[in-house]
C-alpha atoms as a PDB file:
ATOM      1  CA  ALA A   1      13.527   9.969  12.843  1.00  0.00           C
ATOM      2  CA  ASP A   2      11.928   9.363  16.274  1.00  0.00           C
ATOM      3  CA  THR A   3      13.406   5.890  16.325  1.00  0.00           C
ATOM      4  CA  LEU A   4      16.876   7.163  15.448  1.00  0.00           C
ATOM      5  CA  GLN A   5      16.636   9.846  18.115  1.00  0.00           C
ATOM      6  CA  LYS A   6      15.588   7.423  20.779  1.00  0.00           C
ATOM      7  CA  ILE A   7      18.448   5.031  19.919  1.00  0.00           C
ATOM      8  CA  PHE A   8      21.196   7.619  19.703  1.00  0.00           C
ATOM      9  CA  PHE A   9      20.048  10.084  22.467  1.00  0.00           C
ATOM     10  CA  ASP A  10      18.356   7.723  25.071  1.00  0.00           C
ATOM     11  CA  ILE A  11      19.779   4.195  24.527  1.00  0.00           C
ATOM     12  CA  LEU A  12      23.288   4.891  23.165  1.00  0.00           C
ATOM     13  CA  PRO A  13      23.861   8.597  24.219  1.00  0.00           C
ATOM     14  CA  ASN A  14      27.686   8.287  24.488  1.00  0.00           C
ATOM     15  CA  ALA A  15      28.434   6.461  21.186  1.00  0.00           C
ATOM     16  CA  TYR A  16      31.546   7.770  19.508  1.00  0.00           C
ATOM     17  CA  TYR A  17      30.510   7.260  15.883  1.00  0.00           C
ATOM     18  CA  ARG A  18      26.877   7.390  14.682  1.00  0.00           C
ATOM     19  CA  PHE A  19      25.861   6.065  11.467  1.00  0.00           C
ATOM     20  CA  GLY A  20      22.257   5.906  10.104  1.00  0.00           C
ATOM     21  CA  ALA A  21      20.477   5.110   7.047  1.00  0.00           C
ATOM     22  CA  SER A  22      17.021   6.144   6.067  1.00  0.00           C
ATOM     23  CA  ALA A  23      14.658   6.229   3.209  1.00  0.00           C
ATOM     24  CA  THR A  24      12.731   9.108   4.457  1.00  0.00           C
ATOM     25  CA  PRO A  25      11.771  11.695   1.788  1.00  0.00           C
ATOM     26  CA  THR A  26      12.143  15.316   1.985  1.00  0.00           C
ATOM     27  CA  ARG A  27       8.807  16.589   3.377  1.00  0.00           C
ATOM     28  CA  SER A  28       7.216  19.942   3.222  1.00  0.00           C
ATOM     29  CA  ASP A  29       6.883  20.084   7.162  1.00  0.00           C
ATOM     30  CA  GLY A  30      10.799  19.487   7.593  1.00  0.00           C
ATOM     31  CA  GLY A  31      10.108  16.081   9.451  1.00  0.00           C
ATOM     32  CA  GLU A  32      13.160  14.473   8.029  1.00  0.00           C
ATOM     33  CA  LEU A  33      15.363  17.066   9.827  1.00  0.00           C
ATOM     34  CA  GLY A  34      14.937  14.865  12.890  1.00  0.00           C
ATOM     35  CA  ILE A  35      17.268  12.438  11.221  1.00  0.00           C
ATOM     36  CA  VAL A  36      19.889  15.065  10.679  1.00  0.00           C
ATOM     37  CA  ALA A  37      19.618  15.993  14.310  1.00  0.00           C
ATOM     38  CA  ALA A  38      20.200  12.282  15.292  1.00  0.00           C
ATOM     39  CA  VAL A  39      22.939  11.446  13.015  1.00  0.00           C
ATOM     40  CA  PHE A  40      24.218  14.777  11.760  1.00  0.00           C
ATOM     41  CA  PRO A  41      24.250  16.064   8.040  1.00  0.00           C
ATOM     42  CA  PRO A  42      24.304  13.239   5.468  1.00  0.00           C
ATOM     43  CA  ILE A  43      27.449  12.026   3.777  1.00  0.00           C
ATOM     44  CA  TYR A  44      25.599  10.466   0.749  1.00  0.00           C
ATOM     45  CA  VAL A  45      22.078  11.004  -0.557  1.00  0.00           C
ATOM     46  CA  TYR A  46      20.868   8.311  -3.238  1.00  0.00           C
ATOM     47  CA  GLY A  47      17.855  10.029  -4.847  1.00  0.00           C
ATOM     48  CA  ILE A  48      14.740   8.563  -6.602  1.00  0.00           C
ATOM     49  CA  GLN A  49      15.853   9.950 -10.055  1.00  0.00           C
ATOM     50  CA  GLN A  50      19.249   8.113  -9.661  1.00  0.00           C
ATOM     51  CA  ALA A  51      17.610   4.880  -8.592  1.00  0.00           C
ATOM     52  CA  ILE A  52      15.361   5.150 -11.821  1.00  0.00           C
ATOM     53  CA  LYS A  53      18.279   5.917 -14.064  1.00  0.00           C
ATOM     54  CA  GLU A  54      20.092   2.862 -12.525  1.00  0.00           C
ATOM     55  CA  ASP A  55      17.039   0.762 -13.142  1.00  0.00           C
ATOM     56  CA  TYR A  56      16.417  -0.025  -9.454  1.00  0.00           C
ATOM     57  CA  PHE A  57      12.941   1.937  -9.765  1.00  0.00           C
ATOM     58  CA  SER A  58      10.718   2.187 -12.526  1.00  0.00           C
ATOM     59  CA  GLN A  59       9.580   5.702 -13.884  1.00  0.00           C
ATOM     60  CA  PRO A  60       5.904   5.675 -12.833  1.00  0.00           C
ATOM     61  CA  THR A  61       2.981   7.375 -14.576  1.00  0.00           C
ATOM     62  CA  PHE A  62       0.231   8.711 -12.271  1.00  0.00           C
ATOM     63  CA  SER A  63      -3.455   8.828 -13.077  1.00  0.00           C
ATOM     64  CA  LEU A  64      -6.289  10.159 -10.863  1.00  0.00           C
ATOM     65  CA  ILE A  65      -9.868   8.964 -11.381  1.00  0.00           C
ATOM     66  CA  ASP A  66     -12.459  11.311 -10.345  1.00  0.00           C
ATOM     67  CA  THR A  67     -15.668   9.738  -8.688  1.00  0.00           C
ATOM     68  CA  TRP A  68     -18.027  10.649  -6.234  1.00  0.00           C
ATOM     69  CA  CYS A  69     -20.289   9.393  -3.282  1.00  0.00           C
ATOM     70  CA  GLN A  70     -24.141   9.082  -3.419  1.00  0.00           C
ATOM     71  CA  ASP A  71     -24.411   9.619   0.188  1.00  0.00           C
ATOM     72  CA  PRO A  72     -21.183  11.354   1.365  1.00  0.00           C
ATOM     73  CA  TYR A  73     -20.225  11.292   4.999  1.00  0.00           C
ATOM     74  CA  THR A  74     -18.384  14.396   6.146  1.00  0.00           C
ATOM     75  CA  GLU A  75     -18.090  14.168  10.000  1.00  0.00           C
ATOM     76  CA  SER A  76     -15.031  13.937  12.018  1.00  0.00           C
ATOM     77  CA  ASN A  77     -15.108  10.257  12.568  1.00  0.00           C
ATOM     78  CA  LEU A  78     -12.317   8.907  10.067  1.00  0.00           C
ATOM     79  CA  ASN A  79     -13.684   5.322  10.306  1.00  0.00           C
ATOM     80  CA  LYS A  80     -17.118   6.142   9.199  1.00  0.00           C
ATOM     81  CA  CYS A  81     -15.745   8.470   6.455  1.00  0.00           C
ATOM     82  CA  TYR A  82     -13.654   5.629   5.003  1.00  0.00           C
ATOM     83  CA  LYS A  83     -16.471   3.134   5.296  1.00  0.00           C
ATOM     84  CA  ASN A  84     -19.153   5.307   3.682  1.00  0.00           C
ATOM     85  CA  ASN A  85     -17.158   7.216   1.130  1.00  0.00           C
ATOM     86  CA  ILE A  86     -14.591   4.573  -0.042  1.00  0.00           C
ATOM     87  CA  LEU A  87     -15.379   0.998   1.210  1.00  0.00           C
ATOM     88  CA  TYR A  88     -19.093   0.777   0.521  1.00  0.00           C
ATOM     89  CA  ASN A  89     -19.150   3.615  -2.200  1.00  0.00           C
ATOM     90  CA  ASN A  90     -20.880   1.596  -4.947  1.00  0.00           C
ATOM     91  CA  VAL A  91     -20.054   4.397  -7.575  1.00  0.00           C
ATOM     92  CA  LEU A  92     -16.324   3.865  -6.622  1.00  0.00           C
ATOM     93  CA  ASN A  93     -16.402   0.130  -6.664  1.00  0.00           C
ATOM     94  CA  ASP A  94     -18.229   0.105  -9.989  1.00  0.00           C
ATOM     95  CA  ALA A  95     -15.642   2.298 -11.596  1.00  0.00           C
ATOM     96  CA  LEU A  96     -13.032   0.148 -10.083  1.00  0.00           C
ATOM     97  CA  LEU A  97     -14.444  -2.962 -11.573  1.00  0.00           C
ATOM     98  CA  LEU A  98     -14.597  -1.353 -15.102  1.00  0.00           C
ATOM     99  CA  LEU A  99     -10.976  -0.175 -14.744  1.00  0.00           C
ATOM    100  CA  VAL A 100      -9.631  -3.557 -13.598  1.00  0.00           C
ATOM    101  CA  ASN A 101     -11.505  -5.535 -16.412  1.00  0.00           C
ATOM    102  CA  ASP A 102     -10.174  -2.960 -18.938  1.00  0.00           C
ATOM    103  CA  LEU A 103      -6.640  -3.501 -17.665  1.00  0.00           C
ATOM    104  CA  LEU A 104      -6.998  -7.293 -17.763  1.00  0.00           C
ATOM    105  CA  ASN A 105      -8.224  -7.160 -21.363  1.00  0.00           C
ATOM    106  CA  GLN A 106      -4.808  -5.498 -21.922  1.00  0.00           C
ATOM    107  CA  LYS A 107      -3.050  -8.403 -20.287  1.00  0.00           C
ATOM    108  CA  LYS A 108      -1.889  -6.036 -17.432  1.00  0.00           C
ATOM    109  CA  LYS A 109      -0.995  -7.443 -13.852  1.00  0.00           C
ATOM    110  CA  VAL A 110      -2.810  -5.294 -11.335  1.00  0.00           C
ATOM    111  CA  ILE A 111      -2.045  -4.603  -7.697  1.00  0.00           C
ATOM    112  CA  ILE A 112      -4.665  -3.071  -5.616  1.00  0.00           C
ATOM    113  CA  LEU A 113      -3.634  -1.437  -2.089  1.00  0.00           C
ATOM    114  CA  VAL A 114      -6.232  -0.881   0.637  1.00  0.00           C
ATOM    115  CA  ASP A 115      -6.246   0.249   4.112  1.00  0.00           C
ATOM    116  CA  GLU A 116      -8.692  -2.059   5.744  1.00  0.00           C
ATOM    117  CA  LEU A 117      -9.104  -5.808   6.026  1.00  0.00           C
ATOM    118  CA  GLU A 118     -12.748  -5.536   5.313  1.00  0.00           C
ATOM    119  CA  HIS A 119     -12.180  -3.536   2.156  1.00  0.00           C
ATOM    120  CA  GLY A 120      -9.792  -6.243   0.732  1.00  0.00           C
ATOM    121  CA  ARG A 121     -12.359  -8.988   1.364  1.00  0.00           C
ATOM    122  CA  LEU A 122     -15.103  -6.912  -0.222  1.00  0.00           C
ATOM    123  CA  LEU A 123     -12.976  -6.218  -3.472  1.00  0.00           C
ATOM    124  CA  SER A 124     -11.952  -9.792  -3.638  1.00  0.00           C
ATOM    125  CA  LYS A 125     -15.456 -10.822  -3.835  1.00  0.00           C
ATOM    126  CA  LEU A 126     -16.355  -7.883  -6.299  1.00  0.00           C
ATOM    127  CA  ILE A 127     -13.385  -8.292  -8.618  1.00  0.00           C
ATOM    128  CA  GLY A 128     -12.404 -11.886  -8.048  1.00  0.00           C
ATOM    129  CA  GLY A 129      -8.781 -11.014  -7.233  1.00  0.00           C
ATOM    130  CA  THR A 130      -6.688 -12.778  -4.649  1.00  0.00           C
ATOM    131  CA  TYR A 131      -6.543 -10.817  -1.382  1.00  0.00           C
ATOM    132  CA  ILE A 132      -3.799 -11.163   1.037  1.00  0.00           C
ATOM    133  CA  HIS A 133      -2.875  -9.879   4.535  1.00  0.00           C
ATOM    134  CA  GLY A 134      -0.566 -10.897   7.248  1.00  0.00           C
ATOM    135  CA  GLY A 135       0.844 -14.080   5.333  1.00  0.00           C
ATOM    136  CA  ILE A 136      -2.635 -15.542   4.491  1.00  0.00           C
ATOM    137  CA  SER A 137      -4.568 -15.002   1.347  1.00  0.00           C
ATOM    138  CA  CYS A 138      -8.391 -15.228   1.006  1.00  0.00           C
ATOM    139  CA  LEU A 139      -9.241 -16.544  -2.291  1.00  0.00           C
ATOM    140  CA  LYS A 140     -13.009 -17.382  -1.916  1.00  0.00           C
ATOM    141  CA  PRO A 141     -14.664 -14.989   0.794  1.00  0.00           C
ATOM    142  CA  GLU A 142     -17.641 -16.315   2.193  1.00  0.00           C
ATOM    143  CA  LYS A 143     -21.021 -14.733   0.886  1.00  0.00           C
ATOM    144  CA  ASN A 144     -22.242 -13.084   3.906  1.00  0.00           C
ATOM    145  CA  LYS A 145     -22.884  -9.325   4.682  1.00  0.00           C
ATOM    146  CA  LYS A 146     -19.932  -8.621   6.649  1.00  0.00           C
ATOM    147  CA  ILE A 147     -17.415 -10.821   4.818  1.00  0.00           C
ATOM    148  CA  LYS A 148     -15.719 -11.897   7.824  1.00  0.00           C
ATOM    149  CA  LYS A 149     -14.265 -15.353   6.919  1.00  0.00           C
ATOM    150  CA  CYS A 150     -12.545 -17.197   4.031  1.00  0.00           C
ATOM    151  CA  GLU A 151     -13.463 -20.525   2.715  1.00  0.00           C
ATOM    152  CA  HIS A 152     -10.035 -21.276   1.440  1.00  0.00           C
ATOM    153  CA  GLN A 153      -6.440 -19.958   2.240  1.00  0.00           C
ATOM    154  CA  GLU A 154      -3.259 -19.974   0.754  1.00  0.00           C
ATOM    155  CA  SER A 155       0.222 -18.829   2.120  1.00  0.00           C
ATOM    156  CA  LEU A 156       2.003 -15.676   1.270  1.00  0.00           C
ATOM    157  CA  LEU A 157       4.911 -17.595  -0.276  1.00  0.00           C
ATOM    158  CA  ASP A 158       2.453 -19.418  -2.480  1.00  0.00           C
ATOM    159  CA  VAL A 159       0.644 -16.343  -3.632  1.00  0.00           C
ATOM    160  CA  GLN A 160       3.964 -14.558  -4.330  1.00  0.00           C
ATOM    161  CA  LYS A 161       5.079 -17.424  -6.587  1.00  0.00           C
ATOM    162  CA  ARG A 162       1.993 -17.585  -8.466  1.00  0.00           C
ATOM    163  CA  PHE A 163       1.795 -13.738  -8.865  1.00  0.00           C
ATOM    164  CA  ASN A 164       5.385 -13.775 -10.197  1.00  0.00           C
ATOM    165  CA  GLU A 165       4.450 -16.513 -12.659  1.00  0.00           C
ATOM    166  CA  GLY A 166       1.548 -14.474 -13.987  1.00  0.00           C
ATOM    167  CA  LYS A 167      -1.040 -16.990 -12.702  1.00  0.00           C
ATOM    168  CA  ILE A 168      -2.690 -14.243 -10.633  1.00  0.00           C
ATOM    169  CA  PRO A 169      -3.593 -11.298 -12.583  1.00  0.00           C
ATOM    170  CA  VAL A 170      -5.124  -9.251  -9.749  1.00  0.00           C
ATOM    171  CA  LEU A 171      -3.557  -9.132  -6.259  1.00  0.00           C
ATOM    172  CA  ILE A 172      -5.412  -7.068  -3.499  1.00  0.00           C
ATOM    173  CA  GLU A 173      -3.317  -6.350  -0.324  1.00  0.00           C
ATOM    174  CA  THR A 174      -2.619  -4.038   2.571  1.00  0.00           C
ATOM    175  CA  SER A 175       0.556  -2.387   3.349  1.00  0.00           C
ATOM    176  CA  ILE A 176       1.847  -5.571   4.971  1.00  0.00           C
ATOM    177  CA  ILE A 177       2.747  -6.961   1.476  1.00  0.00           C
ATOM    178  CA  GLY A 178       5.811  -4.598   1.578  1.00  0.00           C
ATOM    179  CA  GLU A 179       7.334  -6.705   4.523  1.00  0.00           C
ATOM    180  CA  GLY A 180       9.251  -9.657   3.743  1.00  0.00           C
ATOM    181  CA  THR A 181       7.914 -10.330   0.129  1.00  0.00           C
ATOM    182  CA  ASP A 182       9.809 -10.646  -3.216  1.00  0.00           C
ATOM    183  CA  LEU A 183       7.142  -9.662  -5.819  1.00  0.00           C
ATOM    184  CA  ILE A 184       7.851  -8.992  -9.463  1.00  0.00           C
ATOM    185  CA  PRO A 185       6.221  -5.459  -9.934  1.00  0.00           C
ATOM    186  CA  GLY A 186       2.867  -5.387 -11.554  1.00  0.00           C
ATOM    187  CA  ASP A 187       1.893  -3.177 -14.577  1.00  0.00           C
ATOM    188  CA  VAL A 188      -0.537  -1.068 -12.548  1.00  0.00           C
ATOM    189  CA  LEU A 189      -0.805  -0.242  -8.865  1.00  0.00           C
ATOM    190  CA  ILE A 190      -4.167   1.116  -7.697  1.00  0.00           C
ATOM    191  CA  ARG A 191      -4.123   2.862  -4.315  1.00  0.00           C
ATOM    192  CA  LEU A 192      -7.613   2.969  -2.495  1.00  0.00           C
ATOM    193  CA  SER A 193      -7.265   5.268   0.402  1.00  0.00           C
ATOM    194  CA  MET A 194      -8.424   8.444   2.248  1.00  0.00           C
ATOM    195  CA  GLY A 195      -6.069  11.200   2.198  1.00  0.00           C
ATOM    196  CA  ALA A 196      -3.526  11.411   4.855  1.00  0.00           C
ATOM    197  CA  SER A 197      -1.184  14.198   6.112  1.00  0.00           C
ATOM    198  CA  GLU A 198       2.575  13.798   5.790  1.00  0.00           C
ATOM    199  CA  GLY A 199       2.896  13.143   9.498  1.00  0.00           C
ATOM    200  CA  MET A 200       0.743  10.225   9.615  1.00  0.00           C
END
């Protein structure tokens, strides 16, 4: 919404016609109304249910796994909360390992989404999956405490090809994977993240 408003109101304020397309969902805080303000009421809405009906989207099944932290951090520093309650939460990581092994025994292809690079490297070492971020994958993280480097790297296109061929059963990635990739959907998507408001 902010980008469209900047274009239409600041950069091209005198445009005779305004056309815009967006995948912004309806939000409880009304944030999508900024798009209506920029391009006026929508002339066509293509909803999620229609996309599922026409086989562009799959009908998802959601599951929540209840876990806990041995030493929870509840202060206002979000970075410390993430690292203590999620990244280095041994209870969560052990539960994830059991879940992934169970899914692999069922011959499922698994995609794990994380927020932090360090988290992806840690899970790659723990689970043995391929971790990718920014076009480079980390196949064999070094066995040091902070897991800063990789011993072997592979291009994004190579990882994409091997995942689509079923040669990579577990792919660990950050949100960058959604930009410029053409992955055949996995069977299971695991999202490891702290909660975020709709405005974030």
